[in-house]
Amino acid sequence: MEFQSGNVARVTPLPARPRPLAATSGRPARVFDLAAERVRRLPPPEALAAVDEAARVYAALDAAGLQVRFDLSAGSGVQAELRDASGSKVRALTLAEVVDPGSLLPPDSAA
């Protein structure tokens, strides 16, 4: 068996300690207050109120046994329908009713 000595790759050992990073600007690093950032990034109160109102309307419709369904298969865009608990179509909905579903609530529902 013969061994040929030729170009053998040299291995450079890693330094024992990492080198300190050089300061680029001479200024201290910026510090962020994460609690303040979380508060700042909350949705605006009117958006939270709209979500609460949508949840209230959904609960009232559900209690009345009604559902709003959207259908894309009509071929002419999105169709919205009011359906009962069994899934039967009650009637088609207009865009105004979809945008303001509170108008779909029965008159005796709590506001």
PDB file of N, CA and C in Angstrom:
ATOM      1  N   MET A   1       0.843  -1.154   0.000  1.00  0.00           N
ATOM      2  CA  MET A   1       0.000   0.000   0.000  1.00  0.00           C
ATOM      3  C   MET A   1       0.897   1.227   0.000  1.00  0.00           C
ATOM      4  N   GLU A   2       0.557   2.170  -0.863  1.00  0.00           N
ATOM      5  CA  GLU A   2       1.354   3.382  -0.960  1.00  0.00           C
ATOM      6  C   GLU A   2       0.520   4.586  -0.567  1.00  0.00           C
ATOM      7  N   PHE A   3       1.145   5.528   0.099  1.00  0.00           N
ATOM      8  CA  PHE A   3       0.517   6.800   0.442  1.00  0.00           C
ATOM      9  C   PHE A   3       1.236   7.894  -0.295  1.00  0.00           C
ATOM     10  N   GLN A   4       0.462   8.773  -0.852  1.00  0.00           N
ATOM     11  CA  GLN A   4       1.079   9.888  -1.553  1.00  0.00           C
ATOM     12  C   GLN A   4       0.925  11.135  -0.689  1.00  0.00           C
ATOM     13  N   SER A   5       1.979  11.858  -0.549  1.00  0.00           N
ATOM     14  CA  SER A   5       1.878  13.125   0.169  1.00  0.00           C
ATOM     15  C   SER A   5       1.776  14.210  -0.881  1.00  0.00           C
ATOM     16  N   GLY A   6       0.768  15.004  -0.779  1.00  0.00           N
ATOM     17  CA  GLY A   6       0.542  16.053  -1.756  1.00  0.00           C
ATOM     18  C   GLY A   6      -0.052  17.264  -1.079  1.00  0.00           C
ATOM     19  N   ASN A   7      -1.005  17.828  -1.747  1.00  0.00           N
ATOM     20  CA  ASN A   7      -1.668  19.002  -1.189  1.00  0.00           C
ATOM     21  C   ASN A   7      -2.616  18.571  -0.073  1.00  0.00           C
ATOM     22  N   VAL A   8      -2.192  18.771   1.125  1.00  0.00           N
ATOM     23  CA  VAL A   8      -3.010  18.437   2.287  1.00  0.00           C
ATOM     24  C   VAL A   8      -3.629  19.740   2.797  1.00  0.00           C
ATOM     25  N   ALA A   9      -4.922  19.700   3.043  1.00  0.00           N
ATOM     26  CA  ALA A   9      -5.597  20.904   3.521  1.00  0.00           C
ATOM     27  C   ALA A   9      -5.113  21.261   4.907  1.00  0.00           C
ATOM     28  N   ARG A  10      -4.865  22.529   5.106  1.00  0.00           N
ATOM     29  CA  ARG A  10      -4.445  22.988   6.419  1.00  0.00           C
ATOM     30  C   ARG A  10      -5.678  23.433   7.201  1.00  0.00           C
ATOM     31  N   VAL A  11      -5.683  23.149   8.466  1.00  0.00           N
ATOM     32  CA  VAL A  11      -6.783  23.515   9.343  1.00  0.00           C
ATOM     33  C   VAL A  11      -6.310  24.631  10.252  1.00  0.00           C
ATOM     34  N   THR A  12      -7.077  25.702  10.262  1.00  0.00           N
ATOM     35  CA  THR A  12      -6.745  26.805  11.155  1.00  0.00           C
ATOM     36  C   THR A  12      -7.597  26.666  12.407  1.00  0.00           C
ATOM     37  N   PRO A  13      -7.001  26.581  13.559  1.00  0.00           N
ATOM     38  CA  PRO A  13      -7.800  26.424  14.782  1.00  0.00           C
ATOM     39  C   PRO A  13      -8.573  27.706  15.088  1.00  0.00           C
ATOM     40  N   LEU A  14      -9.739  27.528  15.707  1.00  0.00           N
ATOM     41  CA  LEU A  14     -10.543  28.674  16.113  1.00  0.00           C
ATOM     42  C   LEU A  14      -9.894  29.353  17.305  1.00  0.00           C
ATOM     43  N   PRO A  15     -10.047  30.654  17.440  1.00  0.00           N
ATOM     44  CA  PRO A  15      -9.476  31.326  18.600  1.00  0.00           C
ATOM     45  C   PRO A  15     -10.185  30.869  19.875  1.00  0.00           C
ATOM     46  N   ALA A  16      -9.454  30.893  20.963  1.00  0.00           N
ATOM     47  CA  ALA A  16      -9.991  30.432  22.236  1.00  0.00           C
ATOM     48  C   ALA A  16     -11.119  31.333  22.713  1.00  0.00           C
ATOM     49  N   ARG A  17     -10.997  32.649  22.518  1.00  0.00           N
ATOM     50  CA  ARG A  17     -12.040  33.591  22.923  1.00  0.00           C
ATOM     51  C   ARG A  17     -12.459  34.399  21.705  1.00  0.00           C
ATOM     52  N   PRO A  18     -13.766  34.679  21.594  1.00  0.00           N
ATOM     53  CA  PRO A  18     -14.181  35.508  20.461  1.00  0.00           C
ATOM     54  C   PRO A  18     -13.632  36.929  20.619  1.00  0.00           C
ATOM     55  N   ARG A  19     -13.339  37.531  19.504  1.00  0.00           N
ATOM     56  CA  ARG A  19     -12.836  38.899  19.526  1.00  0.00           C
ATOM     57  C   ARG A  19     -13.967  39.862  19.869  1.00  0.00           C
ATOM     58  N   PRO A  20     -13.679  40.903  20.615  1.00  0.00           N
ATOM     59  CA  PRO A  20     -14.751  41.873  20.916  1.00  0.00           C
ATOM     60  C   PRO A  20     -15.143  42.626  19.653  1.00  0.00           C
ATOM     61  N   LEU A  21     -16.431  42.933  19.554  1.00  0.00           N
ATOM     62  CA  LEU A  21     -16.931  43.674  18.402  1.00  0.00           C
ATOM     63  C   LEU A  21     -16.473  45.120  18.491  1.00  0.00           C
ATOM     64  N   ALA A  22     -16.078  45.657  17.389  1.00  0.00           N
ATOM     65  CA  ALA A  22     -15.637  47.046  17.353  1.00  0.00           C
ATOM     66  C   ALA A  22     -16.853  47.954  17.365  1.00  0.00           C
ATOM     67  N   ALA A  23     -16.824  48.990  18.165  1.00  0.00           N
ATOM     68  CA  ALA A  23     -17.920  49.961  18.208  1.00  0.00           C
ATOM     69  C   ALA A  23     -17.869  50.788  16.931  1.00  0.00           C
ATOM     70  N   THR A  24     -19.008  50.892  16.263  1.00  0.00           N
ATOM     71  CA  THR A  24     -19.015  51.613  14.991  1.00  0.00           C
ATOM     72  C   THR A  24     -19.355  53.084  15.162  1.00  0.00           C
ATOM     73  N   SER A  25     -20.218  53.401  16.125  1.00  0.00           N
ATOM     74  CA  SER A  25     -20.638  54.789  16.242  1.00  0.00           C
ATOM     75  C   SER A  25     -20.152  55.452  17.525  1.00  0.00           C
ATOM     76  N   GLY A  26     -19.716  54.691  18.466  1.00  0.00           N
ATOM     77  CA  GLY A  26     -19.294  55.254  19.732  1.00  0.00           C
ATOM     78  C   GLY A  26     -20.452  55.570  20.659  1.00  0.00           C
ATOM     79  N   ARG A  27     -21.700  55.339  20.199  1.00  0.00           N
ATOM     80  CA  ARG A  27     -22.874  55.597  21.034  1.00  0.00           C
ATOM     81  C   ARG A  27     -23.335  54.286  21.654  1.00  0.00           C
ATOM     82  N   PRO A  28     -23.998  54.360  22.812  1.00  0.00           N
ATOM     83  CA  PRO A  28     -24.533  53.123  23.400  1.00  0.00           C
ATOM     84  C   PRO A  28     -25.683  52.577  22.550  1.00  0.00           C
ATOM     85  N   ALA A  29     -25.952  51.319  22.704  1.00  0.00           N
ATOM     86  CA  ALA A  29     -27.031  50.673  21.955  1.00  0.00           C
ATOM     87  C   ALA A  29     -28.382  51.219  22.401  1.00  0.00           C
ATOM     88  N   ARG A  30     -29.346  51.224  21.482  1.00  0.00           N
ATOM     89  CA  ARG A  30     -30.702  51.662  21.824  1.00  0.00           C
ATOM     90  C   ARG A  30     -31.381  50.595  22.669  1.00  0.00           C
ATOM     91  N   VAL A  31     -32.129  51.040  23.657  1.00  0.00           N
ATOM     92  CA  VAL A  31     -32.861  50.134  24.541  1.00  0.00           C
ATOM     93  C   VAL A  31     -34.341  50.351  24.288  1.00  0.00           C
ATOM     94  N   PHE A  32     -35.076  49.266  24.109  1.00  0.00           N
ATOM     95  CA  PHE A  32     -36.505  49.341  23.866  1.00  0.00           C
ATOM     96  C   PHE A  32     -37.255  48.857  25.096  1.00  0.00           C
ATOM     97  N   ASP A  33     -38.277  49.590  25.476  1.00  0.00           N
ATOM     98  CA  ASP A  33     -39.166  49.184  26.557  1.00  0.00           C
ATOM     99  C   ASP A  33     -40.258  48.318  25.919  1.00  0.00           C
ATOM    100  N   LEU A  34     -40.149  47.006  26.094  1.00  0.00           N
ATOM    101  CA  LEU A  34     -41.081  46.093  25.414  1.00  0.00           C
ATOM    102  C   LEU A  34     -42.517  46.280  25.880  1.00  0.00           C
ATOM    103  N   ALA A  35     -42.723  46.583  27.160  1.00  0.00           N
ATOM    104  CA  ALA A  35     -44.092  46.801  27.649  1.00  0.00           C
ATOM    105  C   ALA A  35     -44.712  48.010  26.955  1.00  0.00           C
ATOM    106  N   ALA A  36     -43.954  49.079  26.810  1.00  0.00           N
ATOM    107  CA  ALA A  36     -44.473  50.270  26.131  1.00  0.00           C
ATOM    108  C   ALA A  36     -44.737  49.985  24.652  1.00  0.00           C
ATOM    109  N   GLU A  37     -43.893  49.191  24.020  1.00  0.00           N
ATOM    110  CA  GLU A  37     -44.101  48.840  22.608  1.00  0.00           C
ATOM    111  C   GLU A  37     -45.366  48.018  22.438  1.00  0.00           C
ATOM    112  N   ARG A  38     -45.636  47.106  23.377  1.00  0.00           N
ATOM    113  CA  ARG A  38     -46.857  46.300  23.279  1.00  0.00           C
ATOM    114  C   ARG A  38     -48.096  47.180  23.382  1.00  0.00           C
ATOM    115  N   VAL A  39     -48.073  48.149  24.298  1.00  0.00           N
ATOM    116  CA  VAL A  39     -49.206  49.057  24.454  1.00  0.00           C
ATOM    117  C   VAL A  39     -49.366  49.909  23.200  1.00  0.00           C
ATOM    118  N   ARG A  40     -48.263  50.384  22.656  1.00  0.00           N
ATOM    119  CA  ARG A  40     -48.305  51.235  21.470  1.00  0.00           C
ATOM    120  C   ARG A  40     -48.846  50.484  20.263  1.00  0.00           C
ATOM    121  N   ARG A  41     -48.627  49.198  20.199  1.00  0.00           N
ATOM    122  CA  ARG A  41     -49.022  48.421  19.023  1.00  0.00           C
ATOM    123  C   ARG A  41     -50.398  47.792  19.138  1.00  0.00           C
ATOM    124  N   LEU A  42     -51.140  48.092  20.195  1.00  0.00           N
ATOM    125  CA  LEU A  42     -52.504  47.586  20.314  1.00  0.00           C
ATOM    126  C   LEU A  42     -53.380  48.219  19.242  1.00  0.00           C
ATOM    127  N   PRO A  43     -54.403  47.501  18.791  1.00  0.00           N
ATOM    128  CA  PRO A  43     -55.325  48.112  17.827  1.00  0.00           C
ATOM    129  C   PRO A  43     -56.010  49.319  18.462  1.00  0.00           C
ATOM    130  N   PRO A  44     -56.446  50.269  17.650  1.00  0.00           N
ATOM    131  CA  PRO A  44     -57.124  51.440  18.205  1.00  0.00           C
ATOM    132  C   PRO A  44     -58.438  51.033  18.882  1.00  0.00           C
ATOM    133  N   PRO A  45     -58.898  51.819  19.850  1.00  0.00           N
ATOM    134  CA  PRO A  45     -60.121  51.471  20.585  1.00  0.00           C
ATOM    135  C   PRO A  45     -61.333  51.272  19.677  1.00  0.00           C
ATOM    136  N   GLU A  46     -61.440  52.066  18.593  1.00  0.00           N
ATOM    137  CA  GLU A  46     -62.601  51.897  17.715  1.00  0.00           C
ATOM    138  C   GLU A  46     -62.576  50.548  16.989  1.00  0.00           C
ATOM    139  N   ALA A  47     -61.387  50.021  16.704  1.00  0.00           N
ATOM    140  CA  ALA A  47     -61.297  48.695  16.078  1.00  0.00           C
ATOM    141  C   ALA A  47     -61.699  47.616  17.079  1.00  0.00           C
ATOM    142  N   LEU A  48     -61.248  47.756  18.321  1.00  0.00           N
ATOM    143  CA  LEU A  48     -61.636  46.788  19.355  1.00  0.00           C
ATOM    144  C   LEU A  48     -63.144  46.850  19.603  1.00  0.00           C
ATOM    145  N   ALA A  49     -63.729  48.039  19.570  1.00  0.00           N
ATOM    146  CA  ALA A  49     -65.179  48.179  19.746  1.00  0.00           C
ATOM    147  C   ALA A  49     -65.929  47.518  18.598  1.00  0.00           C
ATOM    148  N   ALA A  50     -65.425  47.645  17.374  1.00  0.00           N
ATOM    149  CA  ALA A  50     -66.069  47.014  16.218  1.00  0.00           C
ATOM    150  C   ALA A  50     -66.019  45.494  16.326  1.00  0.00           C
ATOM    151  N   VAL A  51     -64.913  44.959  16.815  1.00  0.00           N
ATOM    152  CA  VAL A  51     -64.806  43.504  17.001  1.00  0.00           C
ATOM    153  C   VAL A  51     -65.782  43.040  18.079  1.00  0.00           C
ATOM    154  N   ASP A  52     -65.898  43.804  19.163  1.00  0.00           N
ATOM    155  CA  ASP A  52     -66.862  43.460  20.221  1.00  0.00           C
ATOM    156  C   ASP A  52     -68.295  43.496  19.700  1.00  0.00           C
ATOM    157  N   GLU A  53     -68.619  44.504  18.878  1.00  0.00           N
ATOM    158  CA  GLU A  53     -69.959  44.602  18.306  1.00  0.00           C
ATOM    159  C   GLU A  53     -70.236  43.431  17.363  1.00  0.00           C
ATOM    160  N   ALA A  54     -69.242  43.041  16.568  1.00  0.00           N
ATOM    161  CA  ALA A  54     -69.418  41.894  15.668  1.00  0.00           C
ATOM    162  C   ALA A  54     -69.659  40.619  16.470  1.00  0.00           C
ATOM    163  N   ALA A  55     -68.960  40.460  17.581  1.00  0.00           N
ATOM    164  CA  ALA A  55     -69.166  39.275  18.428  1.00  0.00           C
ATOM    165  C   ALA A  55     -70.571  39.287  19.027  1.00  0.00           C
ATOM    166  N   ARG A  56     -71.049  40.469  19.419  1.00  0.00           N
ATOM    167  CA  ARG A  56     -72.392  40.571  19.994  1.00  0.00           C
ATOM    168  C   ARG A  56     -73.453  40.221  18.948  1.00  0.00           C
ATOM    169  N   VAL A  57     -73.279  40.730  17.726  1.00  0.00           N
ATOM    170  CA  VAL A  57     -74.237  40.437  16.653  1.00  0.00           C
ATOM    171  C   VAL A  57     -74.201  38.953  16.308  1.00  0.00           C
ATOM    172  N   TYR A  58     -72.991  38.367  16.246  1.00  0.00           N
ATOM    173  CA  TYR A  58     -72.888  36.931  15.953  1.00  0.00           C
ATOM    174  C   TYR A  58     -73.621  36.116  17.017  1.00  0.00           C
ATOM    175  N   ALA A  59     -73.427  36.470  18.287  1.00  0.00           N
ATOM    176  CA  ALA A  59     -74.085  35.725  19.368  1.00  0.00           C
ATOM    177  C   ALA A  59     -75.599  35.850  19.266  1.00  0.00           C
ATOM    178  N   ALA A  60     -76.100  37.052  18.936  1.00  0.00           N
ATOM    179  CA  ALA A  60     -77.545  37.252  18.812  1.00  0.00           C
ATOM    180  C   ALA A  60     -78.103  36.480  17.615  1.00  0.00           C
ATOM    181  N   LEU A  61     -77.399  36.503  16.487  1.00  0.00           N
ATOM    182  CA  LEU A  61     -77.847  35.726  15.320  1.00  0.00           C
ATOM    183  C   LEU A  61     -77.835  34.234  15.631  1.00  0.00           C
ATOM    184  N   ASP A  62     -76.797  33.785  16.300  1.00  0.00           N
ATOM    185  CA  ASP A  62     -76.697  32.366  16.659  1.00  0.00           C
ATOM    186  C   ASP A  62     -77.841  31.973  17.597  1.00  0.00           C
ATOM    187  N   ALA A  63     -78.152  32.837  18.561  1.00  0.00           N
ATOM    188  CA  ALA A  63     -79.255  32.550  19.480  1.00  0.00           C
ATOM    189  C   ALA A  63     -80.592  32.501  18.748  1.00  0.00           C
ATOM    190  N   ALA A  64     -80.727  33.292  17.681  1.00  0.00           N
ATOM    191  CA  ALA A  64     -81.960  33.281  16.888  1.00  0.00           C
ATOM    192  C   ALA A  64     -81.968  32.142  15.877  1.00  0.00           C
ATOM    193  N   GLY A  65     -80.893  31.359  15.812  1.00  0.00           N
ATOM    194  CA  GLY A  65     -80.824  30.234  14.880  1.00  0.00           C
ATOM    195  C   GLY A  65     -80.519  30.663  13.458  1.00  0.00           C
ATOM    196  N   LEU A  66     -79.830  31.780  13.287  1.00  0.00           N
ATOM    197  CA  LEU A  66     -79.521  32.295  11.954  1.00  0.00           C
ATOM    198  C   LEU A  66     -78.010  32.335  11.730  1.00  0.00           C
ATOM    199  N   GLN A  67     -77.635  32.259  10.449  1.00  0.00           N
ATOM    200  CA  GLN A  67     -76.232  32.331  10.053  1.00  0.00           C
ATOM    201  C   GLN A  67     -76.119  33.167   8.789  1.00  0.00           C
ATOM    202  N   VAL A  68     -74.992  33.867   8.654  1.00  0.00           N
ATOM    203  CA  VAL A  68     -74.689  34.570   7.407  1.00  0.00           C
ATOM    204  C   VAL A  68     -73.677  33.708   6.673  1.00  0.00           C
ATOM    205  N   ARG A  69     -73.983  33.353   5.434  1.00  0.00           N
ATOM    206  CA  ARG A  69     -73.085  32.527   4.628  1.00  0.00           C
ATOM    207  C   ARG A  69     -72.706  33.280   3.367  1.00  0.00           C
ATOM    208  N   PHE A  70     -71.492  33.046   2.900  1.00  0.00           N
ATOM    209  CA  PHE A  70     -71.009  33.668   1.670  1.00  0.00           C
ATOM    210  C   PHE A  70     -70.792  32.579   0.633  1.00  0.00           C
ATOM    211  N   ASP A  71     -71.176  32.871  -0.604  1.00  0.00           N
ATOM    212  CA  ASP A  71     -71.078  31.904  -1.690  1.00  0.00           C
ATOM    213  C   ASP A  71     -70.287  32.520  -2.840  1.00  0.00           C
ATOM    214  N   LEU A  72     -69.213  31.835  -3.237  1.00  0.00           N
ATOM    215  CA  LEU A  72     -68.392  32.293  -4.358  1.00  0.00           C
ATOM    216  C   LEU A  72     -68.715  31.557  -5.649  1.00  0.00           C
ATOM    217  N   SER A  73     -69.560  30.536  -5.596  1.00  0.00           N
ATOM    218  CA  SER A  73     -69.813  29.692  -6.768  1.00  0.00           C
ATOM    219  C   SER A  73     -70.814  30.299  -7.748  1.00  0.00           C
ATOM    220  N   ALA A  74     -71.411  31.421  -7.437  1.00  0.00           N
ATOM    221  CA  ALA A  74     -72.435  32.009  -8.310  1.00  0.00           C
ATOM    222  C   ALA A  74     -71.847  32.526  -9.620  1.00  0.00           C
ATOM    223  N   GLY A  75     -70.545  32.770  -9.655  1.00  0.00           N
ATOM    224  CA  GLY A  75     -69.910  33.229 -10.879  1.00  0.00           C
ATOM    225  C   GLY A  75     -69.949  34.734 -11.064  1.00  0.00           C
ATOM    226  N   SER A  76     -70.738  35.426 -10.288  1.00  0.00           N
ATOM    227  CA  SER A  76     -70.828  36.884 -10.427  1.00  0.00           C
ATOM    228  C   SER A  76     -70.350  37.573  -9.149  1.00  0.00           C
ATOM    229  N   GLY A  77     -69.295  37.080  -8.576  1.00  0.00           N
ATOM    230  CA  GLY A  77     -68.772  37.676  -7.344  1.00  0.00           C
ATOM    231  C   GLY A  77     -69.285  36.946  -6.117  1.00  0.00           C
ATOM    232  N   VAL A  78     -69.233  37.614  -5.018  1.00  0.00           N
ATOM    233  CA  VAL A  78     -69.624  37.021  -3.741  1.00  0.00           C
ATOM    234  C   VAL A  78     -71.105  37.287  -3.497  1.00  0.00           C
ATOM    235  N   GLN A  79     -71.831  36.246  -3.152  1.00  0.00           N
ATOM    236  CA  GLN A  79     -73.239  36.351  -2.781  1.00  0.00           C
ATOM    237  C   GLN A  79     -73.340  36.070  -1.284  1.00  0.00           C
ATOM    238  N   ALA A  80     -74.102  36.871  -0.562  1.00  0.00           N
ATOM    239  CA  ALA A  80     -74.319  36.659   0.868  1.00  0.00           C
ATOM    240  C   ALA A  80     -75.757  36.223   1.084  1.00  0.00           C
ATOM    241  N   GLU A  81     -75.933  35.269   1.988  1.00  0.00           N
ATOM    242  CA  GLU A  81     -77.267  34.743   2.262  1.00  0.00           C
ATOM    243  C   GLU A  81     -77.472  34.593   3.758  1.00  0.00           C
ATOM    244  N   LEU A  82     -78.706  34.779   4.179  1.00  0.00           N
ATOM    245  CA  LEU A  82     -79.102  34.510   5.552  1.00  0.00           C
ATOM    246  C   LEU A  82     -79.688  33.103   5.563  1.00  0.00           C
ATOM    247  N   ARG A  83     -79.164  32.266   6.437  1.00  0.00           N
ATOM    248  CA  ARG A  83     -79.628  30.867   6.489  1.00  0.00           C
ATOM    249  C   ARG A  83     -80.058  30.528   7.900  1.00  0.00           C
ATOM    250  N   ASP A  84     -80.985  29.560   7.994  1.00  0.00           N
ATOM    251  CA  ASP A  84     -81.420  29.127   9.320  1.00  0.00           C
ATOM    252  C   ASP A  84     -80.483  28.043   9.840  1.00  0.00           C
ATOM    253  N   ALA A  85     -80.772  27.527  11.023  1.00  0.00           N
ATOM    254  CA  ALA A  85     -79.879  26.566  11.679  1.00  0.00           C
ATOM    255  C   ALA A  85     -79.724  25.277  10.883  1.00  0.00           C
ATOM    256  N   SER A  86     -80.727  24.918  10.090  1.00  0.00           N
ATOM    257  CA  SER A  86     -80.629  23.693   9.291  1.00  0.00           C
ATOM    258  C   SER A  86     -79.850  23.913   8.000  1.00  0.00           C
ATOM    259  N   GLY A  87     -79.508  25.167   7.701  1.00  0.00           N
ATOM    260  CA  GLY A  87     -78.761  25.472   6.488  1.00  0.00           C
ATOM    261  C   GLY A  87     -79.617  25.905   5.332  1.00  0.00           C
ATOM    262  N   SER A  88     -80.942  25.978   5.529  1.00  0.00           N
ATOM    263  CA  SER A  88     -81.845  26.408   4.459  1.00  0.00           C
ATOM    264  C   SER A  88     -81.755  27.919   4.281  1.00  0.00           C
ATOM    265  N   LYS A  89     -81.803  28.325   3.024  1.00  0.00           N
ATOM    266  CA  LYS A  89     -81.708  29.746   2.711  1.00  0.00           C
ATOM    267  C   LYS A  89     -82.978  30.465   3.142  1.00  0.00           C
ATOM    268  N   VAL A  90     -82.823  31.522   3.936  1.00  0.00           N
ATOM    269  CA  VAL A  90     -83.960  32.352   4.334  1.00  0.00           C
ATOM    270  C   VAL A  90     -84.160  33.425   3.281  1.00  0.00           C
ATOM    271  N   ARG A  91     -83.062  34.146   2.943  1.00  0.00           N
ATOM    272  CA  ARG A  91     -83.136  35.152   1.887  1.00  0.00           C
ATOM    273  C   ARG A  91     -81.724  35.622   1.547  1.00  0.00           C
ATOM    274  N   ALA A  92     -81.596  36.291   0.403  1.00  0.00           N
ATOM    275  CA  ALA A  92     -80.317  36.882   0.013  1.00  0.00           C
ATOM    276  C   ALA A  92     -80.115  38.162   0.811  1.00  0.00           C
ATOM    277  N   LEU A  93     -78.860  38.516   1.021  1.00  0.00           N
ATOM    278  CA  LEU A  93     -78.532  39.731   1.771  1.00  0.00           C
ATOM    279  C   LEU A  93     -77.924  40.769   0.849  1.00  0.00           C
ATOM    280  N   THR A  94     -78.219  42.018   1.131  1.00  0.00           N
ATOM    281  CA  THR A  94     -77.601  43.109   0.384  1.00  0.00           C
ATOM    282  C   THR A  94     -76.241  43.422   0.999  1.00  0.00           C
ATOM    283  N   LEU A  95     -75.444  44.198   0.282  1.00  0.00           N
ATOM    284  CA  LEU A  95     -74.146  44.592   0.800  1.00  0.00           C
ATOM    285  C   LEU A  95     -74.298  45.403   2.084  1.00  0.00           C
ATOM    286  N   ALA A  96     -75.304  46.262   2.144  1.00  0.00           N
ATOM    287  CA  ALA A  96     -75.527  47.067   3.352  1.00  0.00           C
ATOM    288  C   ALA A  96     -75.817  46.178   4.554  1.00  0.00           C
ATOM    289  N   GLU A  97     -76.573  45.102   4.364  1.00  0.00           N
ATOM    290  CA  GLU A  97     -76.874  44.191   5.471  1.00  0.00           C
ATOM    291  C   GLU A  97     -75.639  43.411   5.903  1.00  0.00           C
ATOM    292  N   VAL A  98     -74.761  43.106   4.958  1.00  0.00           N
ATOM    293  CA  VAL A  98     -73.539  42.381   5.299  1.00  0.00           C
ATOM    294  C   VAL A  98     -72.584  43.287   6.072  1.00  0.00           C
ATOM    295  N   VAL A  99     -72.495  44.545   5.647  1.00  0.00           N
ATOM    296  CA  VAL A  99     -71.600  45.489   6.309  1.00  0.00           C
ATOM    297  C   VAL A  99     -72.136  45.868   7.678  1.00  0.00           C
ATOM    298  N   ASP A 100     -73.463  45.947   7.829  1.00  0.00           N
ATOM    299  CA  ASP A 100     -74.084  46.280   9.108  1.00  0.00           C
ATOM    300  C   ASP A 100     -75.015  45.147   9.508  1.00  0.00           C
ATOM    301  N   PRO A 101     -74.465  44.022  10.001  1.00  0.00           N
ATOM    302  CA  PRO A 101     -75.309  42.872  10.297  1.00  0.00           C
ATOM    303  C   PRO A 101     -76.249  43.086  11.480  1.00  0.00           C
ATOM    304  N   GLY A 102     -76.085  44.184  12.221  1.00  0.00           N
ATOM    305  CA  GLY A 102     -77.003  44.476  13.313  1.00  0.00           C
ATOM    306  C   GLY A 102     -78.427  44.652  12.824  1.00  0.00           C
ATOM    307  N   SER A 103     -78.583  45.056  11.563  1.00  0.00           N
ATOM    308  CA  SER A 103     -79.921  45.220  10.994  1.00  0.00           C
ATOM    309  C   SER A 103     -80.636  43.876  10.785  1.00  0.00           C
ATOM    310  N   LEU A 104     -79.879  42.779  10.852  1.00  0.00           N
ATOM    311  CA  LEU A 104     -80.477  41.455  10.672  1.00  0.00           C
ATOM    312  C   LEU A 104     -81.083  40.922  11.956  1.00  0.00           C
ATOM    313  N   LEU A 105     -80.749  41.556  13.087  1.00  0.00           N
ATOM    314  CA  LEU A 105     -81.233  41.052  14.377  1.00  0.00           C
ATOM    315  C   LEU A 105     -82.727  41.245  14.514  1.00  0.00           C
ATOM    316  N   PRO A 106     -83.378  40.312  15.187  1.00  0.00           N
ATOM    317  CA  PRO A 106     -84.804  40.490  15.450  1.00  0.00           C
ATOM    318  C   PRO A 106     -85.019  41.740  16.312  1.00  0.00           C
ATOM    319  N   PRO A 107     -86.170  42.401  16.174  1.00  0.00           N
ATOM    320  CA  PRO A 107     -86.404  43.646  16.915  1.00  0.00           C
ATOM    321  C   PRO A 107     -86.335  43.484  18.429  1.00  0.00           C
ATOM    322  N   ASP A 108     -86.625  42.278  18.945  1.00  0.00           N
ATOM    323  CA  ASP A 108     -86.628  42.080  20.394  1.00  0.00           C
ATOM    324  C   ASP A 108     -85.251  41.717  20.953  1.00  0.00           C
ATOM    325  N   SER A 109     -84.206  41.665  20.135  1.00  0.00           N
ATOM    326  CA  SER A 109     -82.879  41.308  20.637  1.00  0.00           C
ATOM    327  C   SER A 109     -82.310  42.484  21.435  1.00  0.00           C
ATOM    328  N   ALA A 110     -81.541  42.159  22.452  1.00  0.00           N
ATOM    329  CA  ALA A 110     -80.962  43.196  23.318  1.00  0.00           C
ATOM    330  C   ALA A 110     -79.909  43.975  22.556  1.00  0.00           C
ATOM    331  N   ALA A 111     -79.952  45.287  22.643  1.00  0.00           N
ATOM    332  CA  ALA A 111     -78.987  46.125  21.925  1.00  0.00           C
ATOM    333  C   ALA A 111     -77.783  46.432  22.778  1.00  0.00           C
TER     334      ALA A 111
END
